[in-house]
Amino acid sequence: MFVSAKVTSKGQLTLPKAVRNLLKVDTGSVVVFEKEDDKVVIKSAKTLREFKGFLKGKNRPADFDELRTTAKEHIGRKAGHGQR
């Protein structure tokens, strides 16, 4: 499959219908862009429902500030921030 999309002056783009169908995304869906080697992969974002039971048995209270910081660091690394 080869499709293209034009980037607007605001840096936005519309996912072509064929891509939306392939990813099974619709209005309000969230997609993530992930760098893999010399390309960027677009994936449908996971929903919280998909993680149900993931932390079962972890009886430690959550430190949301710590979780937020860890998540931001992880996303920054995945996006390649700080790499020059």
N, C-alpha and C. Protein backbone atom coordinates (compact mmCIF):
# COMPACT_ATOMS: atom_id res chain seq x y z
N MET A 1 0.85 -1.17 0.00
CA MET A 1 0.00 0.00 0.00
C MET A 1 0.89 1.24 0.00
N PHE A 2 0.56 2.18 -0.86
CA PHE A 2 1.25 3.46 -0.88
C PHE A 2 0.19 4.55 -0.93
N VAL A 3 0.13 5.37 0.11
CA VAL A 3 -0.76 6.52 0.16
C VAL A 3 0.03 7.70 0.68
N SER A 4 -0.44 8.89 0.41
CA SER A 4 0.26 10.07 0.90
C SER A 4 -0.73 11.02 1.56
N ALA A 5 -0.18 11.94 2.35
CA ALA A 5 -0.98 12.96 3.02
C ALA A 5 -0.15 14.23 3.04
N LYS A 6 -0.81 15.36 2.89
CA LYS A 6 -0.14 16.64 2.87
C LYS A 6 -0.15 17.26 4.27
N VAL A 7 0.99 17.80 4.69
CA VAL A 7 1.12 18.45 5.99
C VAL A 7 0.68 19.91 5.83
N THR A 8 -0.18 20.38 6.73
CA THR A 8 -0.67 21.76 6.67
C THR A 8 0.38 22.70 7.26
N SER A 9 0.11 24.00 7.14
CA SER A 9 1.03 25.01 7.69
C SER A 9 1.12 24.91 9.22
N LYS A 10 0.14 24.27 9.85
CA LYS A 10 0.15 24.09 11.30
C LYS A 10 0.79 22.76 11.70
N GLY A 11 1.34 22.03 10.73
CA GLY A 11 1.99 20.76 11.02
C GLY A 11 1.01 19.61 11.18
N GLN A 12 -0.22 19.78 10.73
CA GLN A 12 -1.23 18.74 10.87
C GLN A 12 -1.36 17.96 9.57
N LEU A 13 -1.85 16.72 9.69
CA LEU A 13 -2.16 15.95 8.51
C LEU A 13 -3.40 15.12 8.76
N THR A 14 -4.05 14.73 7.69
CA THR A 14 -5.22 13.87 7.78
C THR A 14 -4.80 12.48 7.36
N LEU A 15 -5.09 11.50 8.19
CA LEU A 15 -4.77 10.12 7.82
C LEU A 15 -5.72 9.70 6.70
N PRO A 16 -5.19 9.22 5.60
CA PRO A 16 -6.05 8.76 4.51
C PRO A 16 -6.97 7.63 4.98
N LYS A 17 -8.12 7.52 4.35
CA LYS A 17 -9.12 6.53 4.76
C LYS A 17 -8.55 5.11 4.77
N ALA A 18 -7.72 4.78 3.80
CA ALA A 18 -7.14 3.43 3.76
C ALA A 18 -6.29 3.16 5.00
N VAL A 19 -5.57 4.16 5.48
CA VAL A 19 -4.74 4.02 6.67
C VAL A 19 -5.62 3.92 7.91
N ARG A 20 -6.65 4.77 8.00
CA ARG A 20 -7.58 4.70 9.13
C ARG A 20 -8.23 3.32 9.21
N ASN A 21 -8.62 2.79 8.07
CA ASN A 21 -9.23 1.45 8.05
C ASN A 21 -8.23 0.39 8.49
N LEU A 22 -7.00 0.49 8.02
CA LEU A 22 -5.96 -0.47 8.37
C LEU A 22 -5.69 -0.46 9.87
N LEU A 23 -5.64 0.75 10.46
CA LEU A 23 -5.37 0.89 11.90
C LEU A 23 -6.61 0.70 12.76
N LYS A 24 -7.77 0.65 12.11
CA LYS A 24 -9.06 0.55 12.82
C LYS A 24 -9.25 1.72 13.77
N VAL A 25 -9.00 2.94 13.25
CA VAL A 25 -9.19 4.15 14.04
C VAL A 25 -10.30 4.98 13.43
N ASP A 26 -10.94 5.78 14.25
CA ASP A 26 -12.04 6.63 13.83
C ASP A 26 -11.94 7.95 14.56
N THR A 27 -12.90 8.82 14.37
CA THR A 27 -12.92 10.11 15.03
C THR A 27 -12.73 9.93 16.54
N GLY A 28 -11.80 10.67 17.10
CA GLY A 28 -11.53 10.60 18.53
C GLY A 28 -10.49 9.56 18.92
N SER A 29 -10.11 8.69 18.00
CA SER A 29 -9.08 7.69 18.28
C SER A 29 -7.73 8.39 18.44
N VAL A 30 -6.82 7.72 19.11
CA VAL A 30 -5.48 8.26 19.30
C VAL A 30 -4.50 7.32 18.60
N VAL A 31 -3.55 7.91 17.88
CA VAL A 31 -2.49 7.13 17.26
C VAL A 31 -1.16 7.61 17.83
N VAL A 32 -0.17 6.74 17.80
CA VAL A 32 1.17 7.10 18.26
C VAL A 32 2.13 6.95 17.09
N PHE A 33 3.15 7.80 17.09
CA PHE A 33 4.19 7.76 16.08
C PHE A 33 5.46 7.28 16.78
N GLU A 34 6.04 6.20 16.28
CA GLU A 34 7.20 5.61 16.93
C GLU A 34 8.34 5.49 15.92
N LYS A 35 9.51 6.01 16.28
CA LYS A 35 10.68 5.95 15.40
C LYS A 35 11.32 4.58 15.51
N GLU A 36 11.51 3.94 14.38
CA GLU A 36 12.20 2.65 14.32
C GLU A 36 13.26 2.76 13.24
N ASP A 37 14.51 2.80 13.67
CA ASP A 37 15.64 2.96 12.76
C ASP A 37 15.46 4.21 11.90
N ASP A 38 15.33 4.05 10.59
CA ASP A 38 15.23 5.21 9.70
C ASP A 38 13.81 5.50 9.24
N LYS A 39 12.81 4.97 9.98
CA LYS A 39 11.42 5.20 9.60
C LYS A 39 10.56 5.49 10.82
N VAL A 40 9.37 6.01 10.58
CA VAL A 40 8.41 6.28 11.64
C VAL A 40 7.21 5.37 11.42
N VAL A 41 6.80 4.68 12.47
CA VAL A 41 5.67 3.76 12.40
C VAL A 41 4.49 4.40 13.12
N ILE A 42 3.32 4.33 12.50
CA ILE A 42 2.09 4.85 13.11
C ILE A 42 1.31 3.65 13.64
N LYS A 43 0.93 3.72 14.92
CA LYS A 43 0.18 2.64 15.54
C LYS A 43 -1.04 3.20 16.24
N SER A 44 -2.07 2.39 16.33
CA SER A 44 -3.23 2.75 17.12
C SER A 44 -2.81 2.70 18.58
N ALA A 45 -3.17 3.73 19.35
CA ALA A 45 -2.78 3.79 20.76
C ALA A 45 -3.55 2.75 21.56
N LYS A 46 -2.89 2.20 22.55
CA LYS A 46 -3.54 1.24 23.44
C LYS A 46 -4.54 1.97 24.32
N THR A 47 -5.59 1.29 24.66
CA THR A 47 -6.57 1.86 25.58
C THR A 47 -6.31 1.30 26.97
N LEU A 48 -6.79 1.99 27.96
CA LEU A 48 -6.63 1.51 29.35
C LEU A 48 -7.28 0.16 29.54
N ARG A 49 -8.36 -0.09 28.83
CA ARG A 49 -9.07 -1.37 28.96
C ARG A 49 -8.15 -2.55 28.58
N GLU A 50 -7.25 -2.33 27.61
CA GLU A 50 -6.34 -3.39 27.18
C GLU A 50 -5.34 -3.76 28.28
N PHE A 51 -5.14 -2.88 29.24
CA PHE A 51 -4.18 -3.13 30.32
C PHE A 51 -4.85 -3.71 31.57
N LYS A 52 -6.15 -4.01 31.49
CA LYS A 52 -6.88 -4.53 32.65
C LYS A 52 -6.18 -5.79 33.18
N GLY A 53 -5.88 -5.81 34.46
CA GLY A 53 -5.24 -6.94 35.10
C GLY A 53 -3.73 -6.95 35.01
N PHE A 54 -3.14 -6.01 34.29
CA PHE A 54 -1.71 -5.95 34.08
C PHE A 54 -0.94 -5.81 35.40
N LEU A 55 -1.48 -5.03 36.31
CA LEU A 55 -0.80 -4.78 37.58
C LEU A 55 -1.38 -5.59 38.72
N LYS A 56 -2.16 -6.61 38.41
CA LYS A 56 -2.78 -7.44 39.43
C LYS A 56 -1.71 -8.02 40.35
N GLY A 57 -1.95 -7.92 41.64
CA GLY A 57 -1.01 -8.44 42.61
C GLY A 57 0.05 -7.44 43.05
N LYS A 58 0.05 -6.27 42.46
CA LYS A 58 1.01 -5.23 42.84
C LYS A 58 0.32 -4.37 43.90
N ASN A 59 0.52 -4.69 45.16
CA ASN A 59 -0.19 -4.02 46.24
C ASN A 59 0.51 -2.78 46.75
N ARG A 60 1.26 -2.13 45.91
CA ARG A 60 1.97 -0.92 46.31
C ARG A 60 1.15 0.31 45.89
N PRO A 61 0.91 1.24 46.82
CA PRO A 61 0.18 2.45 46.42
C PRO A 61 0.95 3.21 45.34
N ALA A 62 0.22 3.79 44.41
CA ALA A 62 0.84 4.50 43.30
C ALA A 62 1.31 5.89 43.72
N ASP A 63 2.50 6.25 43.31
CA ASP A 63 3.02 7.61 43.46
C ASP A 63 2.87 8.27 42.09
N PHE A 64 1.80 9.03 41.91
CA PHE A 64 1.47 9.55 40.59
C PHE A 64 2.50 10.54 40.06
N ASP A 65 3.15 11.29 40.93
CA ASP A 65 4.22 12.18 40.46
C ASP A 65 5.37 11.37 39.89
N GLU A 66 5.72 10.29 40.56
CA GLU A 66 6.80 9.42 40.08
C GLU A 66 6.40 8.77 38.76
N LEU A 67 5.15 8.28 38.67
CA LEU A 67 4.67 7.66 37.44
C LEU A 67 4.69 8.65 36.27
N ARG A 68 4.25 9.87 36.52
CA ARG A 68 4.21 10.89 35.48
C ARG A 68 5.63 11.21 34.99
N THR A 69 6.57 11.36 35.92
CA THR A 69 7.96 11.64 35.55
C THR A 69 8.55 10.50 34.74
N THR A 70 8.33 9.27 35.20
CA THR A 70 8.85 8.10 34.49
C THR A 70 8.24 8.02 33.08
N ALA A 71 6.94 8.26 32.96
CA ALA A 71 6.29 8.21 31.65
C ALA A 71 6.84 9.27 30.71
N LYS A 72 7.04 10.48 31.21
CA LYS A 72 7.59 11.56 30.38
C LYS A 72 8.99 11.22 29.90
N GLU A 73 9.81 10.65 30.80
CA GLU A 73 11.17 10.26 30.42
C GLU A 73 11.14 9.18 29.35
N HIS A 74 10.26 8.20 29.51
CA HIS A 74 10.14 7.11 28.55
C HIS A 74 9.70 7.63 27.19
N ILE A 75 8.71 8.49 27.17
CA ILE A 75 8.21 9.04 25.91
C ILE A 75 9.30 9.88 25.25
N GLY A 76 10.03 10.64 26.05
CA GLY A 76 11.13 11.44 25.51
C GLY A 76 12.19 10.58 24.86
N ARG A 77 12.52 9.45 25.51
CA ARG A 77 13.51 8.54 24.92
C ARG A 77 12.97 7.92 23.64
N LYS A 78 11.71 7.52 23.63
CA LYS A 78 11.11 6.90 22.46
C LYS A 78 11.06 7.88 21.29
N ALA A 79 10.84 9.14 21.59
CA ALA A 79 10.74 10.16 20.54
C ALA A 79 12.12 10.63 20.09
N GLY A 80 13.16 10.22 20.78
CA GLY A 80 14.52 10.57 20.39
C GLY A 80 14.97 11.90 20.92
N HIS A 81 14.28 12.45 21.90
CA HIS A 81 14.70 13.73 22.49
C HIS A 81 16.05 13.56 23.15
N GLY A 82 16.85 14.54 23.01
CA GLY A 82 18.15 14.52 23.67
C GLY A 82 19.22 13.82 22.85
N GLN A 83 18.84 13.25 21.71
CA GLN A 83 19.82 12.61 20.84
C GLN A 83 20.21 13.58 19.75
N ARG A 84 21.45 13.88 19.63
CA ARG A 84 21.92 14.81 18.60
C ARG A 84 23.06 14.20 17.85
